[in-house]
Structure formats: structure tokens, C-alpha cells
Amino acid sequence: MENTSDLEGLWAKYSSLFKRAFGDTDNVNNFLESFGERIIVCPASHKSDQKYCEPGGLMKQSVDIAIAMKKIGESLSLDVEPTSLLKVALGHDLGKIGTPESDYYVPQDSDWHREKLGAYYKFNDKTPRMPITHMSLHLLASAGIVLTLDETRAITTSHGPGRDENKSYGYVNTPLQSVVQSARLLTIQTK
């Protein structure tokens, strides 16, 4: 399991990008104030053989995906707003922090699961089961952070068109949807 050495620096970068994407508004500042500590310590995965299984993993993954999305969008000369790319990259996995009342991931308390499976975190039974992307959209909407329809679709389908919750979208993507799906795959698959 990797250690994030500079959570403070990573938070400064992440929160700055978040404000650039969503605006430096009261709603955004309140969101970052309310959830900042949880975002800082949140991993992006629960097992050590998966990338970003560490405190700060969610921030690191989101920033890496933002960089990949920008490169993909530019290399393909796609007509996608840079702000939309940033919103989707930083917003798509926010649901991994959980609900306002409970964390999605909690530390694994079973030695066996940690030692044999490399599961350093487990899913919190107190957090309702729903797709992470749907929880992400709920958290943003609850904070009064508005997204366009294309940004909402891109966040909803960011984990791939083949997931059951995304089948109703068919396999027809907007450029923004394609960019986030590609960036996510490229970022998560490479160690």
C-alpha cells in the first residue's frame, strides 16, 4: 500500500482545482469546508492491489483523471469545455466519501482480510447502497452545485457504459462521456 506523503499539498491543489471548476462561490466553499477533511483521507479503492488505496487516494485519482482528460481532449481536438472536463474529473467519484452522515469506506478491522486479501478498507454498512456516481451527483446537488445535462451524464456513466446502471444510456456517448471513461480506464489501469 502506497503512502501519500503530502496530503496538505494535495488538498491545496485539489481544492484550488475544485474552485476553478465549480466556481469560488459560497456553495462550493461550504461544500469544501463540510467535506474537506473526509475528502483528504478518503481512499479511491479498498484493496492494496488496486491503485489509490491510501489516504488521499480519491484526490490523487481525481487530479490524475483531470490531467488525462485534458490530454485526451486536446489530442483528439474535441469540442469539450475545459471547465466541464474538470468538473467531471473532480466530481465523478465524490460519492466515495459517503453520505453527509457516514463514510463509504471505513478501515478494515479484520486482520485476515488485511493480510490475506489486502483489503485495508471495507464498505460501511451504515451507508446506503447505490452507485458511487449517483451518490456523487446527490452530494453536489445537495450543496447547490449545478451541473449541465452533459456533465451529469458524463458523471453518471463515468464508470463505463457496460455497468447495469448505465445500460439505459445505450452505448452512445457524448465526447465528454467518452473522455472521462477513457481517462478513468487509462489512469486506474496503469500503476
Protein backbone atom coordinates (compact mmCIF):
# COMPACT_ATOMS: atom_id res chain seq x y z
CA MET A 1 0.00 0.00 0.00
CA GLU A 2 1.39 3.38 -1.02
CA ASN A 3 1.52 6.34 1.37
CA THR A 4 0.56 9.82 0.31
CA SER A 5 3.34 11.93 1.72
CA ASP A 6 1.87 15.37 1.20
CA LEU A 7 -1.85 15.37 1.92
CA GLU A 8 -1.75 19.07 2.69
CA GLY A 9 -0.18 19.93 -0.68
CA LEU A 10 -2.52 17.58 -2.49
CA TRP A 11 -5.52 19.18 -0.75
CA ALA A 12 -4.31 22.65 -1.77
CA LYS A 13 -4.10 21.52 -5.41
CA TYR A 14 -7.41 19.62 -5.33
CA SER A 15 -9.40 22.39 -3.61
CA SER A 16 -7.92 25.02 -5.95
CA LEU A 17 -8.93 22.95 -8.99
CA PHE A 18 -12.37 22.34 -7.45
CA LYS A 19 -12.93 26.09 -7.07
CA ARG A 20 -11.67 26.69 -10.61
CA ALA A 21 -14.11 24.10 -11.94
CA PHE A 22 -17.22 24.83 -9.90
CA GLY A 23 -16.56 28.49 -9.03
CA ASP A 24 -15.39 30.20 -5.88
CA THR A 25 -18.93 30.54 -4.54
CA ASP A 26 -20.45 30.20 -1.08
CA ASN A 27 -21.93 26.81 -2.08
CA VAL A 28 -18.56 25.49 -3.24
CA ASN A 29 -16.70 26.87 -0.22
CA ASN A 30 -19.32 25.41 2.14
CA PHE A 31 -19.03 22.05 0.38
CA LEU A 32 -15.25 22.01 0.71
CA GLU A 33 -15.48 23.14 4.34
CA SER A 34 -18.07 20.48 5.18
CA PHE A 35 -16.43 17.56 3.37
CA GLY A 36 -12.79 18.63 3.09
CA GLU A 37 -11.45 16.52 5.93
CA ARG A 38 -13.24 13.44 4.60
CA ILE A 39 -12.06 14.08 1.04
CA ILE A 40 -8.48 14.40 2.31
CA VAL A 41 -8.42 10.98 4.00
CA CYS A 42 -10.68 9.15 1.53
CA PRO A 43 -9.11 6.33 -0.47
CA ALA A 44 -10.30 5.70 -4.03
CA SER A 45 -10.21 1.90 -3.61
CA HIS A 46 -10.33 -0.56 -0.76
CA LYS A 47 -7.67 -3.14 -1.67
CA SER A 48 -3.90 -2.73 -1.80
CA ASP A 49 -3.65 -4.33 -5.25
CA GLN A 50 -5.82 -1.51 -6.62
CA LYS A 51 -4.36 1.89 -7.36
CA TYR A 52 -5.12 4.75 -4.95
CA CYS A 53 -5.79 2.54 -1.89
CA GLU A 54 -4.48 5.11 0.56
CA PRO A 55 -5.49 8.25 2.42
CA GLY A 56 -5.66 10.96 -0.23
CA GLY A 57 -6.31 8.37 -2.92
CA LEU A 58 -9.56 10.00 -4.01
CA MET A 59 -7.88 13.37 -4.50
CA LYS A 60 -4.86 11.86 -6.29
CA GLN A 61 -7.07 9.80 -8.61
CA SER A 62 -9.30 12.78 -9.41
CA VAL A 63 -6.34 15.03 -10.24
CA ASP A 64 -4.73 12.29 -12.36
CA ILE A 65 -8.00 11.78 -14.25
CA ALA A 66 -8.32 15.54 -14.80
CA ILE A 67 -4.83 15.59 -16.34
CA ALA A 68 -5.62 12.57 -18.53
CA MET A 69 -8.96 14.06 -19.62
CA LYS A 70 -7.28 17.30 -20.64
CA LYS A 71 -4.63 15.44 -22.67
CA ILE A 72 -7.21 13.21 -24.39
CA GLY A 73 -9.49 16.14 -25.19
CA GLU A 74 -6.63 18.18 -26.64
CA SER A 75 -5.07 15.31 -28.60
CA LEU A 76 -8.38 14.48 -30.26
CA SER A 77 -9.32 18.15 -30.75
CA LEU A 78 -12.65 17.53 -29.09
CA ASP A 79 -15.06 20.40 -28.64
CA VAL A 80 -15.39 19.99 -24.88
CA GLU A 81 -15.32 22.83 -22.38
CA PRO A 82 -12.19 22.64 -20.18
CA THR A 83 -14.33 23.57 -17.17
CA SER A 84 -16.64 20.63 -17.88
CA LEU A 85 -13.65 18.28 -18.08
CA LEU A 86 -12.50 19.48 -14.68
CA LYS A 87 -15.97 19.28 -13.11
CA VAL A 88 -16.44 15.69 -14.26
CA ALA A 89 -12.94 14.61 -13.24
CA LEU A 90 -13.24 16.06 -9.74
CA GLY A 91 -16.90 15.22 -9.24
CA HIS A 92 -17.35 11.72 -10.64
CA ASP A 93 -16.10 9.76 -7.60
CA LEU A 94 -17.06 12.12 -4.78
CA GLY A 95 -19.64 9.53 -3.71
CA LYS A 96 -16.74 7.55 -2.26
CA ILE A 97 -16.80 9.88 0.73
CA GLY A 98 -20.28 8.53 1.54
CA THR A 99 -23.29 10.43 2.81
CA PRO A 100 -23.16 13.56 4.95
CA GLU A 101 -23.68 11.26 7.95
CA SER A 102 -21.47 8.26 7.18
CA ASP A 103 -18.26 7.35 5.35
CA TYR A 104 -18.40 4.98 2.37
CA TYR A 105 -15.08 3.34 3.26
CA VAL A 106 -14.06 2.52 6.82
CA PRO A 107 -10.80 0.92 7.97
CA GLN A 108 -10.81 -2.87 7.77
CA ASP A 109 -10.91 -4.32 11.28
CA SER A 110 -10.25 -7.90 10.23
CA ASP A 111 -6.58 -8.95 10.31
CA TRP A 112 -7.42 -11.83 7.98
CA HIS A 113 -8.92 -9.53 5.32
CA ARG A 114 -5.96 -7.16 5.54
CA GLU A 115 -3.30 -9.89 5.49
CA LYS A 116 -4.83 -12.41 3.05
CA LEU A 117 -6.82 -10.15 0.73
CA GLY A 118 -5.02 -6.84 1.09
CA ALA A 119 -8.34 -5.19 1.98
CA TYR A 120 -7.33 -2.17 4.03
CA TYR A 121 -10.83 -0.70 3.90
CA LYS A 122 -14.32 -2.13 3.89
CA PHE A 123 -17.68 -0.80 2.86
CA ASN A 124 -19.62 0.87 5.63
CA ASP A 125 -22.89 -0.90 6.42
CA LYS A 126 -24.36 2.44 7.55
CA THR A 127 -24.03 3.95 4.08
CA PRO A 128 -26.93 3.16 1.74
CA ARG A 129 -26.08 1.02 -1.27
CA MET A 130 -26.23 2.97 -4.51
CA PRO A 131 -23.84 3.57 -7.39
CA ILE A 132 -20.97 5.85 -6.42
CA THR A 133 -21.71 8.16 -9.32
CA HIS A 134 -25.29 8.62 -8.13
CA MET A 135 -24.07 9.47 -4.64
CA SER A 136 -21.61 11.93 -6.22
CA LEU A 137 -24.45 13.70 -8.02
CA HIS A 138 -26.55 13.70 -4.84
CA LEU A 139 -23.76 15.32 -2.80
CA LEU A 140 -23.16 18.01 -5.40
CA ALA A 141 -26.87 18.75 -5.84
CA SER A 142 -27.43 18.84 -2.07
CA ALA A 143 -24.74 21.51 -1.86
CA GLY A 144 -26.44 23.58 -4.57
CA ILE A 145 -23.66 22.88 -7.08
CA VAL A 146 -25.24 22.90 -10.53
CA LEU A 147 -24.12 20.77 -13.46
CA THR A 148 -25.13 20.83 -17.11
CA LEU A 149 -27.00 17.85 -18.55
CA ASP A 150 -23.84 16.72 -20.39
CA GLU A 151 -21.78 16.93 -17.17
CA THR A 152 -24.45 14.96 -15.31
CA ARG A 153 -24.49 12.26 -17.99
CA ALA A 154 -20.68 12.09 -18.00
CA ILE A 155 -20.50 11.68 -14.23
CA THR A 156 -23.32 9.11 -14.23
CA THR A 157 -21.65 6.95 -16.88
CA SER A 158 -18.02 7.60 -15.88
CA HIS A 159 -17.51 4.05 -14.60
CA GLY A 160 -18.32 2.65 -18.03
CA PRO A 161 -21.27 2.08 -20.35
CA GLY A 162 -21.42 -1.64 -19.59
CA ARG A 163 -22.47 -1.21 -15.95
CA ASP A 164 -26.06 -2.16 -15.26
CA GLU A 165 -26.99 1.32 -14.05
CA ASN A 166 -25.75 2.79 -17.37
CA LYS A 167 -27.46 0.43 -19.82
CA SER A 168 -30.34 2.86 -20.40
CA TYR A 169 -27.87 5.27 -22.00
CA GLY A 170 -27.11 2.71 -24.68
CA TYR A 171 -23.60 2.80 -26.00
CA VAL A 172 -23.96 6.27 -27.47
CA ASN A 173 -21.67 8.72 -25.68
CA THR A 174 -21.12 12.42 -25.89
CA PRO A 175 -17.46 13.44 -26.25
CA LEU A 176 -17.38 14.35 -22.54
CA GLN A 177 -18.65 10.89 -21.58
CA SER A 178 -16.07 9.19 -23.80
CA VAL A 179 -13.22 11.29 -22.45
CA VAL A 180 -13.96 10.58 -18.78
CA GLN A 181 -14.45 6.86 -19.40
CA SER A 182 -11.19 6.64 -21.34
CA ALA A 183 -9.22 8.73 -18.84
CA ARG A 184 -10.56 6.70 -15.94
CA LEU A 185 -9.56 3.42 -17.57
CA LEU A 186 -6.10 4.69 -18.52
CA THR A 187 -5.46 6.20 -15.09
CA ILE A 188 -6.71 3.34 -12.97
CA GLN A 189 -5.18 0.58 -15.09
CA THR A 190 -1.64 1.96 -15.04
CA LYS A 191 0.42 1.64 -11.87
